[in-house]
């Protein structure tokens, strides 16, 4: 499990989706399984839109969970993102990859 680059932009991988907000519980649907989300895990996934950077997500959640130790919040988020990436639920887009794709 490798730590995500703070400048990368996480987004749901192809074949993964988050169910609608009106549902009784929020579920991340993946090709081979589903993950029920609540609390911080839901807060993290809702921000994985391919627009926000990992650092922006960390900063945002450090503000929301301001009573927690900032480094602990950051470490927990990075660990969770890495685990979801290992499960093929998230892709990380780097600015370099965006520039390369735009040059083609």
C-alpha atoms as a PDB file:
ATOM      1  CA  UNK A   1       0.000   0.000   0.000  1.00  0.00           C
ATOM      2  CA  UNK A   2       1.634   3.234  -1.130  1.00  0.00           C
ATOM      3  CA  UNK A   3       0.768   6.696   0.204  1.00  0.00           C
ATOM      4  CA  UNK A   4      -1.168   8.869  -2.253  1.00  0.00           C
ATOM      5  CA  UNK A   5       0.536  11.978  -3.631  1.00  0.00           C
ATOM      6  CA  UNK A   6      -0.946  15.023  -1.902  1.00  0.00           C
ATOM      7  CA  UNK A   7      -1.262  16.809  -5.278  1.00  0.00           C
ATOM      8  CA  UNK A   8      -3.134  13.970  -6.979  1.00  0.00           C
ATOM      9  CA  UNK A   9      -6.882  14.132  -7.493  1.00  0.00           C
ATOM     10  CA  UNK A  10      -8.756  10.997  -6.378  1.00  0.00           C
ATOM     11  CA  UNK A  11     -11.881   9.907  -8.208  1.00  0.00           C
ATOM     12  CA  UNK A  12     -13.994   6.795  -8.258  1.00  0.00           C
ATOM     13  CA  UNK A  13     -12.588   4.149 -10.565  1.00  0.00           C
ATOM     14  CA  UNK A  14     -14.462   2.943 -13.625  1.00  0.00           C
ATOM     15  CA  UNK A  15     -17.211   0.543 -12.529  1.00  0.00           C
ATOM     16  CA  UNK A  16     -17.541   2.118  -9.059  1.00  0.00           C
ATOM     17  CA  UNK A  17     -20.293   4.434  -7.936  1.00  0.00           C
ATOM     18  CA  UNK A  18     -21.804   5.925  -4.811  1.00  0.00           C
ATOM     19  CA  UNK A  19     -25.560   5.464  -4.442  1.00  0.00           C
ATOM     20  CA  UNK A  20     -27.867   8.482  -4.266  1.00  0.00           C
ATOM     21  CA  UNK A  21     -28.053  10.709  -1.186  1.00  0.00           C
ATOM     22  CA  UNK A  22     -31.758   9.955  -0.630  1.00  0.00           C
ATOM     23  CA  UNK A  23     -31.087   6.295   0.156  1.00  0.00           C
ATOM     24  CA  UNK A  24     -31.323   5.115   3.795  1.00  0.00           C
ATOM     25  CA  UNK A  25     -27.608   4.303   3.836  1.00  0.00           C
ATOM     26  CA  UNK A  26     -24.798   5.351   1.510  1.00  0.00           C
ATOM     27  CA  UNK A  27     -23.064   2.512  -0.288  1.00  0.00           C
ATOM     28  CA  UNK A  28     -19.989   2.509  -2.509  1.00  0.00           C
ATOM     29  CA  UNK A  29     -20.666  -0.077  -5.217  1.00  0.00           C
ATOM     30  CA  UNK A  30     -17.565  -1.757  -6.631  1.00  0.00           C
ATOM     31  CA  UNK A  31     -17.359  -4.511  -9.258  1.00  0.00           C
ATOM     32  CA  UNK A  32     -16.948  -7.351  -6.758  1.00  0.00           C
ATOM     33  CA  UNK A  33     -18.300  -5.906  -3.533  1.00  0.00           C
ATOM     34  CA  UNK A  34     -20.107  -3.045  -1.834  1.00  0.00           C
ATOM     35  CA  UNK A  35     -18.986  -0.920   1.084  1.00  0.00           C
ATOM     36  CA  UNK A  36     -21.484   0.732   3.436  1.00  0.00           C
ATOM     37  CA  UNK A  37     -20.262   4.242   4.275  1.00  0.00           C
ATOM     38  CA  UNK A  38     -20.933   6.612   7.149  1.00  0.00           C
ATOM     39  CA  UNK A  39     -19.134   9.312   9.095  1.00  0.00           C
ATOM     40  CA  UNK A  40     -15.566  10.076   8.018  1.00  0.00           C
ATOM     41  CA  UNK A  41     -15.460   7.353   5.341  1.00  0.00           C
ATOM     42  CA  UNK A  42     -18.467   8.922   3.613  1.00  0.00           C
ATOM     43  CA  UNK A  43     -16.989  12.418   4.019  1.00  0.00           C
ATOM     44  CA  UNK A  44     -13.815  11.238   2.273  1.00  0.00           C
ATOM     45  CA  UNK A  45     -15.542   9.429  -0.620  1.00  0.00           C
ATOM     46  CA  UNK A  46     -17.908  12.332  -1.309  1.00  0.00           C
ATOM     47  CA  UNK A  47     -14.845  14.521  -1.892  1.00  0.00           C
ATOM     48  CA  UNK A  48     -13.165  12.106  -4.329  1.00  0.00           C
ATOM     49  CA  UNK A  49     -14.508  13.919  -7.382  1.00  0.00           C
ATOM     50  CA  UNK A  50     -11.378  14.148  -9.523  1.00  0.00           C
ATOM     51  CA  UNK A  51     -11.326  17.912  -8.907  1.00  0.00           C
ATOM     52  CA  UNK A  52     -10.108  18.217  -5.320  1.00  0.00           C
ATOM     53  CA  UNK A  53      -6.554  17.226  -4.496  1.00  0.00           C
ATOM     54  CA  UNK A  54      -5.732  14.850  -1.679  1.00  0.00           C
ATOM     55  CA  UNK A  55      -4.311  17.854   0.213  1.00  0.00           C
ATOM     56  CA  UNK A  56      -7.581  19.770  -0.214  1.00  0.00           C
ATOM     57  CA  UNK A  57      -9.553  16.800   1.090  1.00  0.00           C
ATOM     58  CA  UNK A  58      -7.203  16.483   4.075  1.00  0.00           C
ATOM     59  CA  UNK A  59      -7.418  20.219   4.862  1.00  0.00           C
ATOM     60  CA  UNK A  60     -11.201  20.233   4.557  1.00  0.00           C
ATOM     61  CA  UNK A  61     -11.627  17.273   6.894  1.00  0.00           C
ATOM     62  CA  UNK A  62      -9.074  18.606   9.374  1.00  0.00           C
ATOM     63  CA  UNK A  63     -11.382  21.627   9.649  1.00  0.00           C
ATOM     64  CA  UNK A  64     -14.471  19.482  10.139  1.00  0.00           C
ATOM     65  CA  UNK A  65     -12.756  17.238  12.691  1.00  0.00           C
ATOM     66  CA  UNK A  66     -10.890  20.087  14.383  1.00  0.00           C
ATOM     67  CA  UNK A  67     -10.963  18.423  17.812  1.00  0.00           C
ATOM     68  CA  UNK A  68      -8.807  15.584  16.490  1.00  0.00           C
ATOM     69  CA  UNK A  69      -5.036  15.796  16.103  1.00  0.00           C
ATOM     70  CA  UNK A  70      -4.421  17.166  12.537  1.00  0.00           C
ATOM     71  CA  UNK A  71      -1.620  14.675  11.797  1.00  0.00           C
ATOM     72  CA  UNK A  72      -3.851  11.762  12.886  1.00  0.00           C
ATOM     73  CA  UNK A  73      -6.641  12.978  10.584  1.00  0.00           C
ATOM     74  CA  UNK A  74      -4.165  13.247   7.694  1.00  0.00           C
ATOM     75  CA  UNK A  75      -2.665   9.803   8.359  1.00  0.00           C
ATOM     76  CA  UNK A  76      -6.115   8.189   8.590  1.00  0.00           C
ATOM     77  CA  UNK A  77      -7.273   9.802   5.330  1.00  0.00           C
ATOM     78  CA  UNK A  78      -4.119   8.807   3.456  1.00  0.00           C
ATOM     79  CA  UNK A  79      -4.393   5.249   4.748  1.00  0.00           C
ATOM     80  CA  UNK A  80      -8.069   5.025   3.759  1.00  0.00           C
ATOM     81  CA  UNK A  81      -7.422   6.419   0.276  1.00  0.00           C
ATOM     82  CA  UNK A  82      -4.515   4.013  -0.236  1.00  0.00           C
ATOM     83  CA  UNK A  83      -6.665   1.063   0.847  1.00  0.00           C
ATOM     84  CA  UNK A  84      -9.471   2.077  -1.556  1.00  0.00           C
ATOM     85  CA  UNK A  85      -6.915   2.428  -4.337  1.00  0.00           C
ATOM     86  CA  UNK A  86      -5.571  -1.055  -3.566  1.00  0.00           C
ATOM     87  CA  UNK A  87      -9.180  -2.335  -3.749  1.00  0.00           C
ATOM     88  CA  UNK A  88      -9.426  -0.654  -7.191  1.00  0.00           C
ATOM     89  CA  UNK A  89     -12.212   1.647  -6.007  1.00  0.00           C
ATOM     90  CA  UNK A  90     -10.212   4.864  -6.570  1.00  0.00           C
ATOM     91  CA  UNK A  91      -7.917   6.229  -9.241  1.00  0.00           C
ATOM     92  CA  UNK A  92      -5.505   9.083  -8.604  1.00  0.00           C
ATOM     93  CA  UNK A  93      -5.092  11.611 -11.391  1.00  0.00           C
ATOM     94  CA  UNK A  94      -1.957  13.717 -11.273  1.00  0.00           C
ATOM     95  CA  UNK A  95      -1.547  17.140 -12.821  1.00  0.00           C
ATOM     96  CA  UNK A  96       1.247  15.626 -14.920  1.00  0.00           C
ATOM     97  CA  UNK A  97      -1.153  13.014 -16.317  1.00  0.00           C
ATOM     98  CA  UNK A  98      -3.684  15.757 -17.121  1.00  0.00           C
ATOM     99  CA  UNK A  99      -1.051  17.758 -19.006  1.00  0.00           C
ATOM    100  CA  UNK A 100       0.095  14.663 -20.915  1.00  0.00           C
ATOM    101  CA  UNK A 101      -3.458  13.815 -21.941  1.00  0.00           C
ATOM    102  CA  UNK A 102      -4.077  17.410 -23.046  1.00  0.00           C
ATOM    103  CA  UNK A 103      -0.959  17.386 -25.215  1.00  0.00           C
ATOM    104  CA  UNK A 104      -2.210  14.458 -27.315  1.00  0.00           C
END
